[in-house]
Amino acid sequence: MTVTPNPLQRIRADVRAMHAYVVQNCDGLLKMDAMENPFSLPPDLQEKLGQRLGALALNRYPGDGAVQLQQALARYVDVPAGCSVVLGNGSDELISLLALACAQPGAKVLAPLPGFVMYAMSAQLQGLEFVGVPLTADFELDEAAMLAAIAEHRPAITYIAYPNNPTATLWDEAVVQRIIDAVAAQGGIVAIDEAYQPFASRTWLDRIRAEPERNGHVLLMRTLSKFGLAGVRLGYLIGPTALVAEIDKVRPPYNISVLNAEAALFALEHADIFAAQAAELRTQRAALIAALRQMPGIEKCWDSEANMVLVRVPDAARTYAGMKARKVLVKNVSTMHPSLAQCLRLTVGSADDNALMLAALQASL
């Protein structure tokens, strides 16, 4: 009997063994699981943006809009001399492009754990070995362990999320700099991921400006998702021009659509509105943390420098299910790493959203 070949066998075994990234169904739920901006554009700006998007030449490939956006972002962040900007379809694409550009035989990627899942996933998909270094019990960088791992593995890429996801930790500046120095001694690249920069008290860009040579192997990533444009999918990477030029070579042509670019340009023209929204979320974060620390049943609530708060509860699965039954969706991160046992990650929302989330949490503990 003839056996029909299975085309699935053409798919890499490690890919077949993977689980796809799952976006939770949020129909009818208050969505507090993905660190999104809860504020929509004011109606007058919605109308103006609609007119601009409607006037675009959608029948043409993207033209100079991406270049205009690069220039606008360079002005917005005041890019240091000798540095350039490359755009990505969200930070996820930039992480993948960096792995692709560094995918030489034996190359490794190193990052603290728990951390953003895409660092390890992009390494695996591009054939690089991933090395995870556990954080301390309070989710601080284990400096000795990081330095030892860098010396042993000589990673091509070392990721430092600043602040970290899902812990919302903004690590000690001096420790981060010593890790950056150690990577320099091995000839590696450091990627500082500042996805949550609008909510943090400091940025590594200041250190790059202050000591450009010492940080000459550092790439800084940001995203407009936390700026308030999660649906636009626009990330950008800043770094020394020579390094950025190499990463740009593996970027797909036309990776930024005319719609993405125009929406981002429009938002930058109204950056003051988004800055005010971020300031309001920082205020609401303080109130949310204070309320959580007074709530019976919350075993621990960590400090936050992002638009999320990590809490430990007696039974994360039961609490998560209870909140979902009460129409509030949060993130159960318990299975991501042993140190996150019984932890939930809560998005910081508006005052009204936070009140609903706190009520559902209290009722579900």
Foldseek 3Di string as FASTA:
>chain_A
DDDDDDCCVVPDPVVVVDDDDDDDDQVLFAEWADQFAQDDDPPVLVVVLVVVLVPDPQVDFDDCLVVVLQVLVCVVVVFDPQKGKDKALAVLRVLLLVLLLVLDPLAEEEEEPPFDPSNCVSCVVSVHHYHYHYAPLQRERPLVSLLVCCVVRLHQEYEDEQQTPPAQDHYDPVSVLVSLQSNVVSVHAYEYEDQFVLQAPDDCSVVCNVCVVSNQRYKYKYGCRNLRCVVLRMIMIMHRPVVVVSSVVSDDPSNHGPSSSSVSVSCSVVSVVSSVSSVQLNVLLVVLQVVLVVAPQFPDWHDHSGQKIKTAGPAQVQLQVQLVVVRYHHAQCCPSDVSCHRMTITGRYHPVSSVSSVVSSSVRD
